């Protein structure tokens, strides 16, 4: 994908912070995928996101995230973001 790259970020949080952190991440934009893992690194839920996925489609996902938050004490959120490469393909800038 010329001009774009995927960057991964990881956040370690407690279960009671999960929903608020996911909302914060989604408001940041350009999210490709969110993966929530337990303290041992086991994947609990993986949510692929596209630009058009919002609103009612995410309601079952929010319910699952809320249930995970209630059951797990320590979590890791792995976020894949799509970033534009700044100026690499633009000669003279």
PDB file of N, CA and C in Angstrom:
ATOM      1  N   UNK A   1       0.840  -1.159   0.000  1.00  0.00           N
ATOM      2  CA  UNK A   1       0.000   0.000   0.000  1.00  0.00           C
ATOM      3  C   UNK A   1       0.896   1.238   0.000  1.00  0.00           C
ATOM      4  N   UNK A   2       1.181   1.861  -1.171  1.00  0.00           N
ATOM      5  CA  UNK A   2       2.083   2.993  -1.216  1.00  0.00           C
ATOM      6  C   UNK A   2       1.511   4.184  -0.457  1.00  0.00           C
ATOM      7  N   UNK A   3       2.408   4.864   0.287  1.00  0.00           N
ATOM      8  CA  UNK A   3       1.999   6.036   1.018  1.00  0.00           C
ATOM      9  C   UNK A   3       1.353   5.763   2.363  1.00  0.00           C
ATOM     10  N   UNK A   4       1.164   4.497   2.719  1.00  0.00           N
ATOM     11  CA  UNK A   4       0.540   4.150   3.990  1.00  0.00           C
ATOM     12  C   UNK A   4       1.342   3.063   4.671  1.00  0.00           C
ATOM     13  N   UNK A   5       1.307   3.074   5.997  1.00  0.00           N
ATOM     14  CA  UNK A   5       1.955   2.012   6.757  1.00  0.00           C
ATOM     15  C   UNK A   5       1.112   1.703   7.983  1.00  0.00           C
ATOM     16  N   UNK A   6       1.305   0.520   8.539  1.00  0.00           N
ATOM     17  CA  UNK A   6       0.556   0.095   9.713  1.00  0.00           C
ATOM     18  C   UNK A   6       1.492   0.146  10.913  1.00  0.00           C
ATOM     19  N   UNK A   7       1.034   0.824  11.953  1.00  0.00           N
ATOM     20  CA  UNK A   7       1.803   0.937  13.188  1.00  0.00           C
ATOM     21  C   UNK A   7       1.020   0.244  14.299  1.00  0.00           C
ATOM     22  N   UNK A   8       1.718  -0.444  15.185  1.00  0.00           N
ATOM     23  CA  UNK A   8       1.082  -1.141  16.292  1.00  0.00           C
ATOM     24  C   UNK A   8       1.428  -0.451  17.604  1.00  0.00           C
ATOM     25  N   UNK A   9       0.406  -0.242  18.445  1.00  0.00           N
ATOM     26  CA  UNK A   9       0.589   0.300  19.784  1.00  0.00           C
ATOM     27  C   UNK A   9      -0.004  -0.681  20.782  1.00  0.00           C
ATOM     28  N   UNK A  10       0.585  -0.761  21.967  1.00  0.00           N
ATOM     29  CA  UNK A  10       0.065  -1.637  23.017  1.00  0.00           C
ATOM     30  C   UNK A  10      -0.166  -0.825  24.280  1.00  0.00           C
ATOM     31  N   UNK A  11      -1.270  -1.107  24.956  1.00  0.00           N
ATOM     32  CA  UNK A  11      -1.604  -0.458  26.216  1.00  0.00           C
ATOM     33  C   UNK A  11      -1.916  -1.537  27.234  1.00  0.00           C
ATOM     34  N   UNK A  12      -1.375  -1.434  28.435  1.00  0.00           N
ATOM     35  CA  UNK A  12      -1.706  -2.359  29.515  1.00  0.00           C
ATOM     36  C   UNK A  12      -2.565  -1.589  30.508  1.00  0.00           C
ATOM     37  N   UNK A  13      -3.773  -2.105  30.744  1.00  0.00           N
ATOM     38  CA  UNK A  13      -4.736  -1.411  31.592  1.00  0.00           C
ATOM     39  C   UNK A  13      -5.444  -2.402  32.496  1.00  0.00           C
ATOM     40  N   UNK A  14      -6.190  -1.874  33.466  1.00  0.00           N
ATOM     41  CA  UNK A  14      -7.028  -2.738  34.302  1.00  0.00           C
ATOM     42  C   UNK A  14      -8.391  -2.883  33.645  1.00  0.00           C
ATOM     43  N   UNK A  15      -9.134  -3.896  34.036  1.00  0.00           N
ATOM     44  CA  UNK A  15     -10.426  -4.194  33.430  1.00  0.00           C
ATOM     45  C   UNK A  15     -11.413  -3.050  33.521  1.00  0.00           C
ATOM     46  N   UNK A  16     -11.395  -2.304  34.635  1.00  0.00           N
ATOM     47  CA  UNK A  16     -12.360  -1.215  34.788  1.00  0.00           C
ATOM     48  C   UNK A  16     -12.066  -0.017  33.891  1.00  0.00           C
ATOM     49  N   UNK A  17     -10.902   0.038  33.276  1.00  0.00           N
ATOM     50  CA  UNK A  17     -10.544   1.123  32.365  1.00  0.00           C
ATOM     51  C   UNK A  17     -10.771   0.749  30.899  1.00  0.00           C
ATOM     52  N   UNK A  18     -11.168  -0.483  30.639  1.00  0.00           N
ATOM     53  CA  UNK A  18     -11.208  -1.008  29.272  1.00  0.00           C
ATOM     54  C   UNK A  18     -12.137  -0.229  28.343  1.00  0.00           C
ATOM     55  N   UNK A  19     -13.381  -0.065  28.711  1.00  0.00           N
ATOM     56  CA  UNK A  19     -14.348   0.576  27.819  1.00  0.00           C
ATOM     57  C   UNK A  19     -13.932   2.018  27.517  1.00  0.00           C
ATOM     58  N   UNK A  20     -13.510   2.747  28.534  1.00  0.00           N
ATOM     59  CA  UNK A  20     -13.095   4.136  28.330  1.00  0.00           C
ATOM     60  C   UNK A  20     -11.882   4.219  27.407  1.00  0.00           C
ATOM     61  N   UNK A  21     -10.931   3.312  27.558  1.00  0.00           N
ATOM     62  CA  UNK A  21      -9.731   3.331  26.723  1.00  0.00           C
ATOM     63  C   UNK A  21     -10.063   2.981  25.275  1.00  0.00           C
ATOM     64  N   UNK A  22     -10.943   2.006  25.055  1.00  0.00           N
ATOM     65  CA  UNK A  22     -11.338   1.636  23.688  1.00  0.00           C
ATOM     66  C   UNK A  22     -12.046   2.811  23.024  1.00  0.00           C
ATOM     67  N   UNK A  23     -12.927   3.499  23.740  1.00  0.00           N
ATOM     68  CA  UNK A  23     -13.601   4.678  23.185  1.00  0.00           C
ATOM     69  C   UNK A  23     -12.584   5.747  22.809  1.00  0.00           C
ATOM     70  N   UNK A  24     -11.607   5.970  23.687  1.00  0.00           N
ATOM     71  CA  UNK A  24     -10.554   6.957  23.411  1.00  0.00           C
ATOM     72  C   UNK A  24      -9.765   6.583  22.159  1.00  0.00           C
ATOM     73  N   UNK A  25      -9.432   5.325  22.019  1.00  0.00           N
ATOM     74  CA  UNK A  25      -8.681   4.848  20.854  1.00  0.00           C
ATOM     75  C   UNK A  25      -9.491   5.043  19.574  1.00  0.00           C
ATOM     76  N   UNK A  26     -10.768   4.690  19.613  1.00  0.00           N
ATOM     77  CA  UNK A  26     -11.615   4.825  18.426  1.00  0.00           C
ATOM     78  C   UNK A  26     -11.769   6.278  18.003  1.00  0.00           C
ATOM     79  N   UNK A  27     -11.838   7.194  18.960  1.00  0.00           N
ATOM     80  CA  UNK A  27     -11.950   8.617  18.621  1.00  0.00           C
ATOM     81  C   UNK A  27     -10.674   9.145  17.995  1.00  0.00           C
ATOM     82  N   UNK A  28      -9.552   8.445  18.202  1.00  0.00           N
ATOM     83  CA  UNK A  28      -8.287   8.858  17.599  1.00  0.00           C
ATOM     84  C   UNK A  28      -8.261   8.678  16.089  1.00  0.00           C
ATOM     85  N   UNK A  29      -9.082   7.780  15.559  1.00  0.00           N
ATOM     86  CA  UNK A  29      -9.196   7.583  14.115  1.00  0.00           C
ATOM     87  C   UNK A  29      -8.119   6.698  13.521  1.00  0.00           C
ATOM     88  N   UNK A  30      -8.309   6.339  12.253  1.00  0.00           N
ATOM     89  CA  UNK A  30      -7.375   5.531  11.472  1.00  0.00           C
ATOM     90  C   UNK A  30      -7.055   4.183  12.108  1.00  0.00           C
ATOM     91  N   UNK A  31      -8.005   3.583  12.800  1.00  0.00           N
ATOM     92  CA  UNK A  31      -7.787   2.302  13.462  1.00  0.00           C
ATOM     93  C   UNK A  31      -8.152   1.177  12.502  1.00  0.00           C
ATOM     94  N   UNK A  32      -7.245   0.230  12.361  1.00  0.00           N
ATOM     95  CA  UNK A  32      -7.468  -0.914  11.481  1.00  0.00           C
ATOM     96  C   UNK A  32      -8.004  -2.116  12.253  1.00  0.00           C
ATOM     97  N   UNK A  33      -7.466  -2.340  13.451  1.00  0.00           N
ATOM     98  CA  UNK A  33      -7.854  -3.508  14.242  1.00  0.00           C
ATOM     99  C   UNK A  33      -7.534  -3.242  15.714  1.00  0.00           C
ATOM    100  N   UNK A  34      -8.406  -3.746  16.594  1.00  0.00           N
ATOM    101  CA  UNK A  34      -8.160  -3.715  18.035  1.00  0.00           C
ATOM    102  C   UNK A  34      -8.207  -5.151  18.529  1.00  0.00           C
ATOM    103  N   UNK A  35      -7.177  -5.542  19.269  1.00  0.00           N
ATOM    104  CA  UNK A  35      -7.119  -6.870  19.861  1.00  0.00           C
ATOM    105  C   UNK A  35      -6.997  -6.704  21.368  1.00  0.00           C
ATOM    106  N   UNK A  36      -7.824  -7.419  22.116  1.00  0.00           N
ATOM    107  CA  UNK A  36      -7.755  -7.374  23.575  1.00  0.00           C
ATOM    108  C   UNK A  36      -7.258  -8.722  24.057  1.00  0.00           C
ATOM    109  N   UNK A  37      -6.185  -8.673  24.865  1.00  0.00           N
ATOM    110  CA  UNK A  37      -5.555  -9.895  25.371  1.00  0.00           C
ATOM    111  C   UNK A  37      -5.544  -9.882  26.885  1.00  0.00           C
ATOM    112  N   UNK A  38      -5.491 -11.076  27.491  1.00  0.00           N
ATOM    113  CA  UNK A  38      -5.373 -11.150  28.940  1.00  0.00           C
ATOM    114  C   UNK A  38      -3.906 -10.996  29.341  1.00  0.00           C
ATOM    115  N   UNK A  39      -3.632 -11.044  30.635  1.00  0.00           N
ATOM    116  CA  UNK A  39      -2.272 -10.829  31.142  1.00  0.00           C
ATOM    117  C   UNK A  39      -1.285 -11.871  30.615  1.00  0.00           C
ATOM    118  N   UNK A  40      -1.764 -13.056  30.282  1.00  0.00           N
ATOM    119  CA  UNK A  40      -0.908 -14.115  29.757  1.00  0.00           C
ATOM    120  C   UNK A  40      -0.669 -14.031  28.260  1.00  0.00           C
ATOM    121  N   UNK A  41      -1.268 -13.055  27.586  1.00  0.00           N
ATOM    122  CA  UNK A  41      -1.079 -12.887  26.159  1.00  0.00           C
ATOM    123  C   UNK A  41      -2.097 -13.624  25.299  1.00  0.00           C
ATOM    124  N   UNK A  42      -3.086 -14.249  25.932  1.00  0.00           N
ATOM    125  CA  UNK A  42      -4.134 -14.975  25.215  1.00  0.00           C
ATOM    126  C   UNK A  42      -5.144 -13.979  24.643  1.00  0.00           C
ATOM    127  N   UNK A  43      -5.438 -14.085  23.345  1.00  0.00           N
ATOM    128  CA  UNK A  43      -6.386 -13.175  22.714  1.00  0.00           C
ATOM    129  C   UNK A  43      -7.806 -13.477  23.180  1.00  0.00           C
ATOM    130  N   UNK A  44      -8.485 -12.453  23.712  1.00  0.00           N
ATOM    131  CA  UNK A  44      -9.867 -12.590  24.168  1.00  0.00           C
ATOM    132  C   UNK A  44     -10.856 -12.158  23.091  1.00  0.00           C
ATOM    133  N   UNK A  45     -10.556 -11.066  22.396  1.00  0.00           N
ATOM    134  CA  UNK A  45     -11.405 -10.588  21.315  1.00  0.00           C
ATOM    135  C   UNK A  45     -10.545  -9.789  20.342  1.00  0.00           C
ATOM    136  N   UNK A  46     -10.842  -9.957  19.063  1.00  0.00           N
ATOM    137  CA  UNK A  46     -10.156  -9.217  18.005  1.00  0.00           C
ATOM    138  C   UNK A  46     -11.229  -8.571  17.142  1.00  0.00           C
ATOM    139  N   UNK A  47     -11.152  -7.240  17.019  1.00  0.00           N
ATOM    140  CA  UNK A  47     -12.180  -6.498  16.292  1.00  0.00           C
ATOM    141  C   UNK A  47     -11.539  -5.813  15.094  1.00  0.00           C
ATOM    142  N   UNK A  48     -11.771  -6.327  13.887  1.00  0.00           N
ATOM    143  CA  UNK A  48     -11.288  -5.611  12.700  1.00  0.00           C
ATOM    144  C   UNK A  48     -12.222  -4.436  12.426  1.00  0.00           C
ATOM    145  N   UNK A  49     -11.650  -3.283  12.164  1.00  0.00           N
ATOM    146  CA  UNK A  49     -12.448  -2.082  11.936  1.00  0.00           C
ATOM    147  C   UNK A  49     -12.173  -1.535  10.547  1.00  0.00           C
ATOM    148  N   UNK A  50     -13.221  -1.055   9.916  1.00  0.00           N
ATOM    149  CA  UNK A  50     -13.072  -0.369   8.646  1.00  0.00           C
ATOM    150  C   UNK A  50     -13.646   1.024   8.811  1.00  0.00           C
ATOM    151  N   UNK A  51     -13.404   1.891   7.864  1.00  0.00           N
ATOM    152  CA  UNK A  51     -13.838   3.278   7.984  1.00  0.00           C
ATOM    153  C   UNK A  51     -15.346   3.422   8.131  1.00  0.00           C
ATOM    154  N   UNK A  52     -16.116   2.520   7.551  1.00  0.00           N
ATOM    155  CA  UNK A  52     -17.560   2.648   7.591  1.00  0.00           C
ATOM    156  C   UNK A  52     -18.246   1.956   8.755  1.00  0.00           C
ATOM    157  N   UNK A  53     -17.500   1.267   9.619  1.00  0.00           N
ATOM    158  CA  UNK A  53     -18.109   0.502  10.703  1.00  0.00           C
ATOM    159  C   UNK A  53     -18.274   1.403  11.925  1.00  0.00           C
ATOM    160  N   UNK A  54     -19.512   1.794  12.183  1.00  0.00           N
ATOM    161  CA  UNK A  54     -19.820   2.620  13.351  1.00  0.00           C
ATOM    162  C   UNK A  54     -21.224   2.313  13.829  1.00  0.00           C
ATOM    163  N   UNK A  55     -21.599   2.905  14.935  1.00  0.00           N
ATOM    164  CA  UNK A  55     -22.980   2.859  15.406  1.00  0.00           C
ATOM    165  C   UNK A  55     -23.475   1.492  15.800  1.00  0.00           C
ATOM    166  N   UNK A  56     -24.642   1.124  15.273  1.00  0.00           N
ATOM    167  CA  UNK A  56     -25.352  -0.083  15.685  1.00  0.00           C
ATOM    168  C   UNK A  56     -24.566  -1.354  15.411  1.00  0.00           C
ATOM    169  N   UNK A  57     -23.712  -1.328  14.405  1.00  0.00           N
ATOM    170  CA  UNK A  57     -22.921  -2.520  14.091  1.00  0.00           C
ATOM    171  C   UNK A  57     -21.990  -2.873  15.243  1.00  0.00           C
ATOM    172  N   UNK A  58     -21.520  -1.871  15.988  1.00  0.00           N
ATOM    173  CA  UNK A  58     -20.585  -2.114  17.079  1.00  0.00           C
ATOM    174  C   UNK A  58     -21.263  -2.469  18.403  1.00  0.00           C
ATOM    175  N   UNK A  59     -22.589  -2.422  18.484  1.00  0.00           N
ATOM    176  CA  UNK A  59     -23.266  -2.707  19.750  1.00  0.00           C
ATOM    177  C   UNK A  59     -22.920  -4.083  20.335  1.00  0.00           C
ATOM    178  N   UNK A  60     -22.934  -5.165  19.549  1.00  0.00           N
ATOM    179  CA  UNK A  60     -22.536  -6.458  20.128  1.00  0.00           C
ATOM    180  C   UNK A  60     -21.076  -6.465  20.593  1.00  0.00           C
ATOM    181  N   UNK A  61     -20.240  -5.731  19.895  1.00  0.00           N
ATOM    182  CA  UNK A  61     -18.828  -5.645  20.281  1.00  0.00           C
ATOM    183  C   UNK A  61     -18.700  -4.922  21.620  1.00  0.00           C
ATOM    184  N   UNK A  62     -19.462  -3.826  21.808  1.00  0.00           N
ATOM    185  CA  UNK A  62     -19.431  -3.104  23.089  1.00  0.00           C
ATOM    186  C   UNK A  62     -19.890  -4.002  24.230  1.00  0.00           C
ATOM    187  N   UNK A  63     -20.900  -4.817  23.987  1.00  0.00           N
ATOM    188  CA  UNK A  63     -21.385  -5.737  25.020  1.00  0.00           C
ATOM    189  C   UNK A  63     -20.304  -6.742  25.400  1.00  0.00           C
ATOM    190  N   UNK A  64     -19.601  -7.270  24.403  1.00  0.00           N
ATOM    191  CA  UNK A  64     -18.517  -8.226  24.670  1.00  0.00           C
ATOM    192  C   UNK A  64     -17.375  -7.562  25.423  1.00  0.00           C
ATOM    193  N   UNK A  65     -17.027  -6.347  25.038  1.00  0.00           N
ATOM    194  CA  UNK A  65     -15.943  -5.625  25.717  1.00  0.00           C
ATOM    195  C   UNK A  65     -16.324  -5.346  27.170  1.00  0.00           C
ATOM    196  N   UNK A  66     -17.586  -4.984  27.405  1.00  0.00           N
ATOM    197  CA  UNK A  66     -18.053  -4.757  28.772  1.00  0.00           C
ATOM    198  C   UNK A  66     -17.985  -6.025  29.620  1.00  0.00           C
ATOM    199  N   UNK A  67     -18.342  -7.160  29.029  1.00  0.00           N
ATOM    200  CA  UNK A  67     -18.279  -8.436  29.753  1.00  0.00           C
ATOM    201  C   UNK A  67     -16.847  -8.811  30.078  1.00  0.00           C
ATOM    202  N   UNK A  68     -15.950  -8.601  29.140  1.00  0.00           N
ATOM    203  CA  UNK A  68     -14.530  -8.891  29.381  1.00  0.00           C
ATOM    204  C   UNK A  68     -14.001  -8.008  30.501  1.00  0.00           C
ATOM    205  N   UNK A  69     -14.366  -6.730  30.470  1.00  0.00           N
ATOM    206  CA  UNK A  69     -13.910  -5.789  31.502  1.00  0.00           C
ATOM    207  C   UNK A  69     -14.357  -6.224  32.889  1.00  0.00           C
ATOM    208  N   UNK A  70     -15.543  -6.804  32.992  1.00  0.00           N
ATOM    209  CA  UNK A  70     -16.063  -7.237  34.279  1.00  0.00           C
ATOM    210  C   UNK A  70     -15.360  -8.487  34.802  1.00  0.00           C
ATOM    211  N   UNK A  71     -14.780  -9.277  33.914  1.00  0.00           N
ATOM    212  CA  UNK A  71     -14.213 -10.563  34.313  1.00  0.00           C
ATOM    213  C   UNK A  71     -12.696 -10.581  34.471  1.00  0.00           C
ATOM    214  N   UNK A  72     -11.999  -9.704  33.784  1.00  0.00           N
ATOM    215  CA  UNK A  72     -10.544  -9.770  33.746  1.00  0.00           C
ATOM    216  C   UNK A  72      -9.959  -8.569  34.475  1.00  0.00           C
ATOM    217  N   UNK A  73      -8.928  -8.821  35.290  1.00  0.00           N
ATOM    218  CA  UNK A  73      -8.334  -7.757  36.098  1.00  0.00           C
ATOM    219  C   UNK A  73      -7.331  -6.936  35.302  1.00  0.00           C
ATOM    220  N   UNK A  74      -6.453  -7.590  34.550  1.00  0.00           N
ATOM    221  CA  UNK A  74      -5.399  -6.887  33.816  1.00  0.00           C
ATOM    222  C   UNK A  74      -5.467  -7.284  32.349  1.00  0.00           C
ATOM    223  N   UNK A  75      -5.419  -6.289  31.461  1.00  0.00           N
ATOM    224  CA  UNK A  75      -5.577  -6.527  30.035  1.00  0.00           C
ATOM    225  C   UNK A  75      -4.510  -5.809  29.234  1.00  0.00           C
ATOM    226  N   UNK A  76      -4.304  -6.300  28.019  1.00  0.00           N
ATOM    227  CA  UNK A  76      -3.447  -5.615  27.055  1.00  0.00           C
ATOM    228  C   UNK A  76      -4.283  -5.337  25.820  1.00  0.00           C
ATOM    229  N   UNK A  77      -4.271  -4.075  25.369  1.00  0.00           N
ATOM    230  CA  UNK A  77      -4.953  -3.703  24.139  1.00  0.00           C
ATOM    231  C   UNK A  77      -3.887  -3.480  23.080  1.00  0.00           C
ATOM    232  N   UNK A  78      -4.017  -4.167  21.953  1.00  0.00           N
ATOM    233  CA  UNK A  78      -3.100  -3.994  20.826  1.00  0.00           C
ATOM    234  C   UNK A  78      -3.885  -3.294  19.723  1.00  0.00           C
ATOM    235  N   UNK A  79      -3.375  -2.147  19.280  1.00  0.00           N
ATOM    236  CA  UNK A  79      -4.067  -1.328  18.294  1.00  0.00           C
ATOM    237  C   UNK A  79      -3.220  -1.241  17.033  1.00  0.00           C
ATOM    238  N   UNK A  80      -3.813  -1.559  15.890  1.00  0.00           N
ATOM    239  CA  UNK A  80      -3.153  -1.371  14.598  1.00  0.00           C
ATOM    240  C   UNK A  80      -3.718  -0.112  13.968  1.00  0.00           C
ATOM    241  N   UNK A  81      -2.847   0.858  13.687  1.00  0.00           N
ATOM    242  CA  UNK A  81      -3.258   2.123  13.077  1.00  0.00           C
ATOM    243  C   UNK A  81      -2.679   2.236  11.682  1.00  0.00           C
ATOM    244  N   UNK A  82      -3.431   2.867  10.802  1.00  0.00           N
ATOM    245  CA  UNK A  82      -2.942   3.158   9.459  1.00  0.00           C
ATOM    246  C   UNK A  82      -2.463   4.591   9.450  1.00  0.00           C
ATOM    247  N   UNK A  83      -1.221   4.795   9.035  1.00  0.00           N
ATOM    248  CA  UNK A  83      -0.648   6.132   8.988  1.00  0.00           C
ATOM    249  C   UNK A  83      -0.211   6.465   7.578  1.00  0.00           C
ATOM    250  N   UNK A  84      -0.380   7.717   7.220  1.00  0.00           N
ATOM    251  CA  UNK A  84       0.111   8.214   5.944  1.00  0.00           C
ATOM    252  C   UNK A  84       1.608   8.478   6.091  1.00  0.00           C
ATOM    253  N   UNK A  85       2.407   8.066   5.090  1.00  0.00           N
ATOM    254  CA  UNK A  85       3.818   8.414   5.081  1.00  0.00           C
ATOM    255  C   UNK A  85       3.924   9.867   4.640  1.00  0.00           C
ATOM    256  N   UNK A  86       4.544  10.680   5.452  1.00  0.00           N
ATOM    257  CA  UNK A  86       4.583  12.122   5.192  1.00  0.00           C
ATOM    258  C   UNK A  86       5.689  12.471   4.214  1.00  0.00           C
ATOM    259  N   UNK A  87       5.306  12.797   2.985  1.00  0.00           N
ATOM    260  CA  UNK A  87       6.231  13.364   2.007  1.00  0.00           C
ATOM    261  C   UNK A  87       7.227  12.456   1.357  1.00  0.00           C
ATOM    262  N   UNK A  88       7.238  11.160   1.595  1.00  0.00           N
ATOM    263  CA  UNK A  88       8.243  10.289   0.998  1.00  0.00           C
ATOM    264  C   UNK A  88       8.087  10.169  -0.503  1.00  0.00           C
ATOM    265  N   UNK A  89       6.854  10.186  -1.007  1.00  0.00           N
ATOM    266  CA  UNK A  89       6.617  10.019  -2.432  1.00  0.00           C
ATOM    267  C   UNK A  89       6.403  11.358  -3.156  1.00  0.00           C
ATOM    268  N   UNK A  90       6.703  12.457  -2.479  1.00  0.00           N
ATOM    269  CA  UNK A  90       6.472  13.772  -3.055  1.00  0.00           C
ATOM    270  C   UNK A  90       7.802  14.473  -3.285  1.00  0.00           C
ATOM    271  N   UNK A  91       8.293  14.475  -4.510  1.00  0.00           N
ATOM    272  CA  UNK A  91       9.570  15.119  -4.778  1.00  0.00           C
ATOM    273  C   UNK A  91       9.480  16.629  -4.588  1.00  0.00           C
ATOM    274  N   UNK A  92      10.562  17.230  -4.091  1.00  0.00           N
ATOM    275  CA  UNK A  92      10.635  18.664  -3.954  1.00  0.00           C
ATOM    276  C   UNK A  92      10.007  19.213  -2.690  1.00  0.00           C
ATOM    277  N   UNK A  93       9.591  18.346  -1.747  1.00  0.00           N
ATOM    278  CA  UNK A  93       9.037  18.853  -0.496  1.00  0.00           C
ATOM    279  C   UNK A  93       9.919  18.567   0.661  1.00  0.00           C
TER     280      UNK A  93
END
